[in-house]
Amino acid sequence: MKRKITADYAIPGRCDDGSYTSSLVRRSTFYTQSALRELLSSRYGAGKSMDELVKLALQDGLPVYEVKREA
């Protein structure tokens, strides 16, 4: 059965060594835009655009991927 994606972003699971890999899709955590904004705002401060928050996360080494939402 194909899983329907209802999220806007994904953060892949971590490897045993603490690194991230995009091949760990099954261990990814999926977020709607509002949920990811809340998560990243708590880390980087409120009042930033989504693009700014994602950029800050990427600079910190937290891989945030935009995913194609299925209707």
N, C-alpha and C. Protein backbone atom coordinates (compact mmCIF):
# COMPACT_ATOMS: atom_id res chain seq x y z
N MET A 1 0.84 -1.18 0.00
CA MET A 1 0.00 0.00 0.00
C MET A 1 0.89 1.25 0.00
N LYS A 2 0.58 2.17 -0.88
CA LYS A 2 1.35 3.42 -1.00
C LYS A 2 0.91 4.39 0.09
N ARG A 3 1.88 4.98 0.76
CA ARG A 3 1.61 5.95 1.80
C ARG A 3 1.34 7.31 1.19
N LYS A 4 0.29 7.97 1.61
CA LYS A 4 -0.05 9.30 1.12
C LYS A 4 0.69 10.35 1.94
N ILE A 5 1.39 11.23 1.27
CA ILE A 5 2.14 12.28 1.95
C ILE A 5 1.24 13.49 2.15
N THR A 6 1.07 13.87 3.40
CA THR A 6 0.24 15.04 3.72
C THR A 6 1.08 16.11 4.42
N ALA A 7 2.39 16.03 4.27
CA ALA A 7 3.29 16.97 4.91
C ALA A 7 3.93 17.87 3.87
N ASP A 8 4.55 18.93 4.36
CA ASP A 8 5.25 19.87 3.50
C ASP A 8 6.77 19.72 3.59
N TYR A 9 7.25 19.23 4.74
CA TYR A 9 8.70 19.12 4.99
C TYR A 9 9.01 17.79 5.67
N ALA A 10 10.27 17.37 5.53
CA ALA A 10 10.72 16.15 6.22
C ALA A 10 12.13 16.38 6.76
N ILE A 11 12.38 15.77 7.90
CA ILE A 11 13.72 15.73 8.47
C ILE A 11 14.06 14.25 8.60
N PRO A 12 15.08 13.79 7.88
CA PRO A 12 15.40 12.37 7.91
C PRO A 12 15.91 11.91 9.27
N GLY A 13 15.78 10.60 9.50
CA GLY A 13 16.28 10.03 10.75
C GLY A 13 17.79 10.10 10.81
N ARG A 14 18.32 9.99 12.01
CA ARG A 14 19.77 10.03 12.21
C ARG A 14 20.35 8.62 12.11
N CYS A 15 21.58 8.56 11.64
CA CYS A 15 22.34 7.32 11.64
C CYS A 15 22.87 7.08 13.05
N ASP A 16 23.40 5.91 13.27
CA ASP A 16 23.97 5.59 14.59
C ASP A 16 25.08 6.54 14.99
N ASP A 17 25.80 7.08 14.02
CA ASP A 17 26.91 7.99 14.34
C ASP A 17 26.45 9.44 14.52
N GLY A 18 25.13 9.68 14.48
CA GLY A 18 24.59 11.02 14.69
C GLY A 18 24.44 11.84 13.43
N SER A 19 24.93 11.32 12.30
CA SER A 19 24.80 12.05 11.05
C SER A 19 23.42 11.76 10.43
N TYR A 20 23.08 12.55 9.45
CA TYR A 20 21.82 12.39 8.75
C TYR A 20 22.08 11.84 7.36
N THR A 21 21.12 11.11 6.83
CA THR A 21 21.22 10.64 5.46
C THR A 21 19.85 10.67 4.81
N SER A 22 19.80 11.12 3.58
CA SER A 22 18.50 11.23 2.89
C SER A 22 17.93 9.85 2.54
N SER A 23 18.74 8.79 2.65
CA SER A 23 18.23 7.45 2.33
C SER A 23 17.38 6.87 3.45
N LEU A 24 17.31 7.55 4.58
CA LEU A 24 16.51 7.06 5.70
C LEU A 24 15.08 7.59 5.65
N VAL A 25 14.47 7.54 4.49
CA VAL A 25 13.13 8.10 4.32
C VAL A 25 12.13 7.48 5.27
N ARG A 26 12.23 6.18 5.48
CA ARG A 26 11.27 5.52 6.37
C ARG A 26 11.39 6.00 7.80
N ARG A 27 12.55 6.51 8.17
CA ARG A 27 12.75 7.00 9.52
C ARG A 27 12.64 8.52 9.59
N SER A 28 12.14 9.13 8.54
CA SER A 28 11.98 10.58 8.51
C SER A 28 10.79 10.99 9.37
N THR A 29 10.88 12.19 9.88
CA THR A 29 9.75 12.80 10.56
C THR A 29 9.19 13.85 9.61
N PHE A 30 7.90 13.77 9.35
CA PHE A 30 7.25 14.67 8.40
C PHE A 30 6.48 15.75 9.16
N TYR A 31 6.53 16.96 8.62
CA TYR A 31 5.90 18.12 9.26
C TYR A 31 5.08 18.91 8.27
N THR A 32 3.95 19.46 8.75
CA THR A 32 3.25 20.48 7.97
C THR A 32 4.06 21.75 8.12
N GLN A 33 3.79 22.73 7.30
CA GLN A 33 4.54 23.99 7.38
C GLN A 33 4.36 24.63 8.76
N SER A 34 3.14 24.64 9.28
CA SER A 34 2.91 25.30 10.57
C SER A 34 3.62 24.56 11.71
N ALA A 35 3.66 23.23 11.66
CA ALA A 35 4.34 22.47 12.71
C ALA A 35 5.85 22.69 12.65
N LEU A 36 6.41 22.71 11.45
CA LEU A 36 7.85 22.94 11.32
C LEU A 36 8.20 24.37 11.72
N ARG A 37 7.35 25.33 11.39
CA ARG A 37 7.58 26.73 11.79
C ARG A 37 7.63 26.82 13.32
N GLU A 38 6.71 26.15 13.99
CA GLU A 38 6.68 26.16 15.45
C GLU A 38 7.97 25.54 16.03
N LEU A 39 8.37 24.40 15.46
CA LEU A 39 9.59 23.72 15.92
C LEU A 39 10.82 24.61 15.73
N LEU A 40 10.98 25.16 14.54
CA LEU A 40 12.17 25.96 14.25
C LEU A 40 12.13 27.32 14.96
N SER A 41 10.95 27.89 15.12
CA SER A 41 10.83 29.17 15.84
C SER A 41 11.23 29.02 17.29
N SER A 42 10.94 27.85 17.87
CA SER A 42 11.34 27.64 19.27
C SER A 42 12.86 27.55 19.38
N ARG A 43 13.51 27.18 18.31
CA ARG A 43 14.97 27.05 18.32
C ARG A 43 15.68 28.33 17.88
N TYR A 44 15.10 29.03 16.89
CA TYR A 44 15.79 30.18 16.29
C TYR A 44 15.10 31.52 16.54
N GLY A 45 13.98 31.51 17.22
CA GLY A 45 13.29 32.76 17.53
C GLY A 45 12.12 33.03 16.59
N ALA A 46 11.12 33.67 17.14
CA ALA A 46 9.91 33.99 16.38
C ALA A 46 10.16 35.20 15.48
N GLY A 47 9.24 35.43 14.55
CA GLY A 47 9.29 36.60 13.70
C GLY A 47 10.12 36.43 12.44
N LYS A 48 10.59 35.22 12.18
CA LYS A 48 11.37 34.96 10.97
C LYS A 48 10.49 34.28 9.93
N SER A 49 10.82 34.50 8.66
CA SER A 49 10.07 33.83 7.59
C SER A 49 10.44 32.35 7.57
N MET A 50 9.62 31.55 6.92
CA MET A 50 9.89 30.13 6.80
C MET A 50 11.22 29.89 6.10
N ASP A 51 11.49 30.67 5.06
CA ASP A 51 12.76 30.53 4.33
C ASP A 51 13.95 30.79 5.25
N GLU A 52 13.84 31.82 6.09
CA GLU A 52 14.92 32.14 7.03
C GLU A 52 15.12 31.00 8.03
N LEU A 53 14.02 30.45 8.54
CA LEU A 53 14.11 29.37 9.52
C LEU A 53 14.76 28.13 8.92
N VAL A 54 14.35 27.77 7.70
CA VAL A 54 14.93 26.60 7.04
C VAL A 54 16.42 26.84 6.77
N LYS A 55 16.76 28.04 6.36
CA LYS A 55 18.17 28.37 6.09
C LYS A 55 19.01 28.24 7.37
N LEU A 56 18.49 28.72 8.49
CA LEU A 56 19.19 28.59 9.76
C LEU A 56 19.37 27.13 10.16
N ALA A 57 18.33 26.34 9.95
CA ALA A 57 18.42 24.90 10.27
C ALA A 57 19.49 24.23 9.42
N LEU A 58 19.51 24.55 8.14
CA LEU A 58 20.51 23.96 7.24
C LEU A 58 21.92 24.39 7.64
N GLN A 59 22.08 25.64 8.05
CA GLN A 59 23.40 26.12 8.49
C GLN A 59 23.86 25.39 9.75
N ASP A 60 22.90 24.95 10.58
CA ASP A 60 23.21 24.20 11.79
C ASP A 60 23.42 22.71 11.52
N GLY A 61 23.27 22.31 10.26
CA GLY A 61 23.45 20.91 9.91
C GLY A 61 22.21 20.06 10.08
N LEU A 62 21.06 20.70 10.27
CA LEU A 62 19.79 19.97 10.38
C LEU A 62 19.16 19.92 8.99
N PRO A 63 19.17 18.77 8.35
CA PRO A 63 18.65 18.70 6.98
C PRO A 63 17.13 18.76 6.96
N VAL A 64 16.61 19.81 6.39
CA VAL A 64 15.17 19.97 6.23
C VAL A 64 14.88 19.91 4.74
N TYR A 65 14.04 18.96 4.34
CA TYR A 65 13.70 18.77 2.94
C TYR A 65 12.25 19.15 2.70
N GLU A 66 12.03 19.89 1.63
CA GLU A 66 10.66 20.17 1.22
C GLU A 66 10.18 18.94 0.45
N VAL A 67 8.98 18.48 0.77
CA VAL A 67 8.44 17.31 0.10
C VAL A 67 7.22 17.69 -0.72
N LYS A 68 6.94 16.90 -1.71
CA LYS A 68 5.79 17.15 -2.57
C LYS A 68 4.55 16.57 -1.90
N ARG A 69 3.66 17.44 -1.50
CA ARG A 69 2.43 17.02 -0.85
C ARG A 69 1.48 16.43 -1.88
N GLU A 70 0.87 15.32 -1.54
CA GLU A 70 -0.12 14.69 -2.42
C GLU A 70 -1.50 15.16 -2.02
N ALA A 71 -2.29 15.50 -3.01
CA ALA A 71 -3.63 16.00 -2.75
C ALA A 71 -4.58 14.89 -2.34
